[in-house]
């Protein structure tokens, strides 16, 4: 299953971005999906998840700043990122929580002044 993430860019600390990710398999609307990020030199980490019925969870460092959502009719998962800081810099990917899909290239988020 192909995954296409987009919406990244260069933003100043305190700024916002909205990431989008489309997936090619319709049945994935029932699966928990997640946004992952990989900072330079670090392993890929799961930062936000959403179940098929919309239950959300986040790692502590992004709680209150990031919001994950999904539009199952569009096979799309979103990540609204507010109050960005330099530690949020990295390549962002989406995938199922069980990591079954092909990762794709992700989308680069750079937070810098």
C-alpha atoms as a PDB file:
ATOM      1  CA  UNK A   1       0.000   0.000   0.000  1.00  0.00           C
ATOM      2  CA  UNK A   2       1.364   3.359  -1.009  1.00  0.00           C
ATOM      3  CA  UNK A   3       1.502   6.274   1.398  1.00  0.00           C
ATOM      4  CA  UNK A   4       2.035   9.867   0.333  1.00  0.00           C
ATOM      5  CA  UNK A   5       2.827  12.477   2.954  1.00  0.00           C
ATOM      6  CA  UNK A   6       2.865  16.193   2.179  1.00  0.00           C
ATOM      7  CA  UNK A   7       2.632  19.615   3.784  1.00  0.00           C
ATOM      8  CA  UNK A   8       6.045  19.966   5.360  1.00  0.00           C
ATOM      9  CA  UNK A   9       8.302  22.961   5.059  1.00  0.00           C
ATOM     10  CA  UNK A  10      10.456  25.484   6.852  1.00  0.00           C
ATOM     11  CA  UNK A  11       8.776  27.309   9.723  1.00  0.00           C
ATOM     12  CA  UNK A  12       9.931  29.545  12.544  1.00  0.00           C
ATOM     13  CA  UNK A  13       9.625  28.459  16.172  1.00  0.00           C
ATOM     14  CA  UNK A  14       6.061  29.007  17.308  1.00  0.00           C
ATOM     15  CA  UNK A  15       4.687  28.490  13.831  1.00  0.00           C
ATOM     16  CA  UNK A  16       2.220  25.956  12.486  1.00  0.00           C
ATOM     17  CA  UNK A  17       1.999  23.384   9.723  1.00  0.00           C
ATOM     18  CA  UNK A  18      -0.644  20.949   8.584  1.00  0.00           C
ATOM     19  CA  UNK A  19       0.520  17.644   7.202  1.00  0.00           C
ATOM     20  CA  UNK A  20      -1.576  15.362   5.020  1.00  0.00           C
ATOM     21  CA  UNK A  21      -1.133  11.714   4.169  1.00  0.00           C
ATOM     22  CA  UNK A  22      -3.101   9.722   1.660  1.00  0.00           C
ATOM     23  CA  UNK A  23      -3.135   5.940   1.447  1.00  0.00           C
ATOM     24  CA  UNK A  24      -4.167   3.801  -1.474  1.00  0.00           C
ATOM     25  CA  UNK A  25      -6.046   1.016   0.330  1.00  0.00           C
ATOM     26  CA  UNK A  26      -9.693   1.766   1.134  1.00  0.00           C
ATOM     27  CA  UNK A  27      -9.873  -0.900   3.856  1.00  0.00           C
ATOM     28  CA  UNK A  28      -7.329   1.033   5.868  1.00  0.00           C
ATOM     29  CA  UNK A  29     -10.088   3.344   7.053  1.00  0.00           C
ATOM     30  CA  UNK A  30     -10.718   0.781   9.779  1.00  0.00           C
ATOM     31  CA  UNK A  31      -7.136   0.558  10.993  1.00  0.00           C
ATOM     32  CA  UNK A  32      -5.312   2.653  13.553  1.00  0.00           C
ATOM     33  CA  UNK A  33      -3.063   5.096  11.758  1.00  0.00           C
ATOM     34  CA  UNK A  34      -0.119   7.046  13.037  1.00  0.00           C
ATOM     35  CA  UNK A  35       2.214   9.882  12.280  1.00  0.00           C
ATOM     36  CA  UNK A  36       5.870   9.146  12.808  1.00  0.00           C
ATOM     37  CA  UNK A  37       8.890  11.372  12.728  1.00  0.00           C
ATOM     38  CA  UNK A  38      12.580  10.759  12.306  1.00  0.00           C
ATOM     39  CA  UNK A  39      15.039  13.379  13.438  1.00  0.00           C
ATOM     40  CA  UNK A  40      18.601  13.312  12.098  1.00  0.00           C
ATOM     41  CA  UNK A  41      20.556  10.542  13.803  1.00  0.00           C
ATOM     42  CA  UNK A  42      17.496   9.215  15.613  1.00  0.00           C
ATOM     43  CA  UNK A  43      15.175   6.303  15.118  1.00  0.00           C
ATOM     44  CA  UNK A  44      11.727   6.783  13.726  1.00  0.00           C
ATOM     45  CA  UNK A  45       9.246   7.448  16.524  1.00  0.00           C
ATOM     46  CA  UNK A  46       5.488   7.318  16.668  1.00  0.00           C
ATOM     47  CA  UNK A  47       4.157  10.717  17.747  1.00  0.00           C
ATOM     48  CA  UNK A  48       0.391  10.501  17.238  1.00  0.00           C
ATOM     49  CA  UNK A  49      -2.194   7.807  16.580  1.00  0.00           C
ATOM     50  CA  UNK A  50      -5.851   7.669  15.648  1.00  0.00           C
ATOM     51  CA  UNK A  51      -8.093   4.629  15.588  1.00  0.00           C
ATOM     52  CA  UNK A  52     -10.736   3.805  13.029  1.00  0.00           C
ATOM     53  CA  UNK A  53     -13.379   5.380  15.276  1.00  0.00           C
ATOM     54  CA  UNK A  54     -11.347   8.485  16.014  1.00  0.00           C
ATOM     55  CA  UNK A  55      -9.719   7.846  19.370  1.00  0.00           C
ATOM     56  CA  UNK A  56      -6.456   9.776  19.572  1.00  0.00           C
ATOM     57  CA  UNK A  57      -3.220   9.462  21.475  1.00  0.00           C
ATOM     58  CA  UNK A  58       0.029  11.422  21.519  1.00  0.00           C
ATOM     59  CA  UNK A  59       3.484  11.293  22.965  1.00  0.00           C
ATOM     60  CA  UNK A  60       3.926  13.697  25.851  1.00  0.00           C
ATOM     61  CA  UNK A  61       6.147  16.136  23.989  1.00  0.00           C
ATOM     62  CA  UNK A  62       3.448  16.993  21.431  1.00  0.00           C
ATOM     63  CA  UNK A  63       0.319  16.840  23.601  1.00  0.00           C
ATOM     64  CA  UNK A  64      -1.604  20.071  23.435  1.00  0.00           C
ATOM     65  CA  UNK A  65       0.269  21.189  20.317  1.00  0.00           C
ATOM     66  CA  UNK A  66      -0.446  18.501  17.685  1.00  0.00           C
ATOM     67  CA  UNK A  67      -3.825  17.210  16.565  1.00  0.00           C
ATOM     68  CA  UNK A  68      -4.264  14.091  14.461  1.00  0.00           C
ATOM     69  CA  UNK A  69      -7.425  13.588  12.436  1.00  0.00           C
ATOM     70  CA  UNK A  70      -8.648  11.521   9.541  1.00  0.00           C
ATOM     71  CA  UNK A  71     -11.114  11.731   6.684  1.00  0.00           C
ATOM     72  CA  UNK A  72     -11.929   8.157   5.781  1.00  0.00           C
ATOM     73  CA  UNK A  73     -13.916   9.204   2.710  1.00  0.00           C
ATOM     74  CA  UNK A  74     -10.715  10.705   1.326  1.00  0.00           C
ATOM     75  CA  UNK A  75      -8.349   8.003   2.597  1.00  0.00           C
ATOM     76  CA  UNK A  76      -6.420  10.778   4.310  1.00  0.00           C
ATOM     77  CA  UNK A  77      -4.856  11.353   7.701  1.00  0.00           C
ATOM     78  CA  UNK A  78      -3.873  14.826   8.898  1.00  0.00           C
ATOM     79  CA  UNK A  79      -1.528  16.227  11.508  1.00  0.00           C
ATOM     80  CA  UNK A  80      -2.078  19.804  12.617  1.00  0.00           C
ATOM     81  CA  UNK A  81       1.083  21.022  14.316  1.00  0.00           C
ATOM     82  CA  UNK A  82       1.031  24.236  16.339  1.00  0.00           C
ATOM     83  CA  UNK A  83       3.601  25.955  18.545  1.00  0.00           C
ATOM     84  CA  UNK A  84       6.374  24.180  16.729  1.00  0.00           C
ATOM     85  CA  UNK A  85       9.838  24.099  18.257  1.00  0.00           C
ATOM     86  CA  UNK A  86      13.238  23.086  16.958  1.00  0.00           C
ATOM     87  CA  UNK A  87      12.887  19.615  18.525  1.00  0.00           C
ATOM     88  CA  UNK A  88      10.005  18.943  16.121  1.00  0.00           C
ATOM     89  CA  UNK A  89      12.382  19.031  13.165  1.00  0.00           C
ATOM     90  CA  UNK A  90      12.528  15.824  11.180  1.00  0.00           C
ATOM     91  CA  UNK A  91      11.006  13.824   8.381  1.00  0.00           C
ATOM     92  CA  UNK A  92       7.369  12.995   9.056  1.00  0.00           C
ATOM     93  CA  UNK A  93       5.730   9.838   7.794  1.00  0.00           C
ATOM     94  CA  UNK A  94       2.371   8.234   8.201  1.00  0.00           C
ATOM     95  CA  UNK A  95       1.597   4.543   8.328  1.00  0.00           C
ATOM     96  CA  UNK A  96      -0.560   2.060  10.079  1.00  0.00           C
ATOM     97  CA  UNK A  97       0.322   1.651  13.732  1.00  0.00           C
ATOM     98  CA  UNK A  98       1.502  -1.876  12.907  1.00  0.00           C
ATOM     99  CA  UNK A  99       3.722  -0.367  10.178  1.00  0.00           C
ATOM    100  CA  UNK A 100       2.329  -2.532   7.389  1.00  0.00           C
ATOM    101  CA  UNK A 101       2.510   0.013   4.572  1.00  0.00           C
ATOM    102  CA  UNK A 102       5.368   1.182   2.396  1.00  0.00           C
ATOM    103  CA  UNK A 103       6.812   4.246   4.104  1.00  0.00           C
ATOM    104  CA  UNK A 104       7.341   6.473   1.119  1.00  0.00           C
ATOM    105  CA  UNK A 105       9.587   9.522   1.269  1.00  0.00           C
ATOM    106  CA  UNK A 106       7.814  11.344   4.052  1.00  0.00           C
ATOM    107  CA  UNK A 107       7.705  15.109   4.300  1.00  0.00           C
ATOM    108  CA  UNK A 108      10.447  17.271   5.767  1.00  0.00           C
ATOM    109  CA  UNK A 109       9.604  19.623   8.635  1.00  0.00           C
ATOM    110  CA  UNK A 110      12.289  22.100   9.619  1.00  0.00           C
ATOM    111  CA  UNK A 111      11.756  24.446  12.542  1.00  0.00           C
ATOM    112  CA  UNK A 112      14.387  27.133  12.592  1.00  0.00           C
ATOM    113  CA  UNK A 113      14.752  30.850  13.118  1.00  0.00           C
END
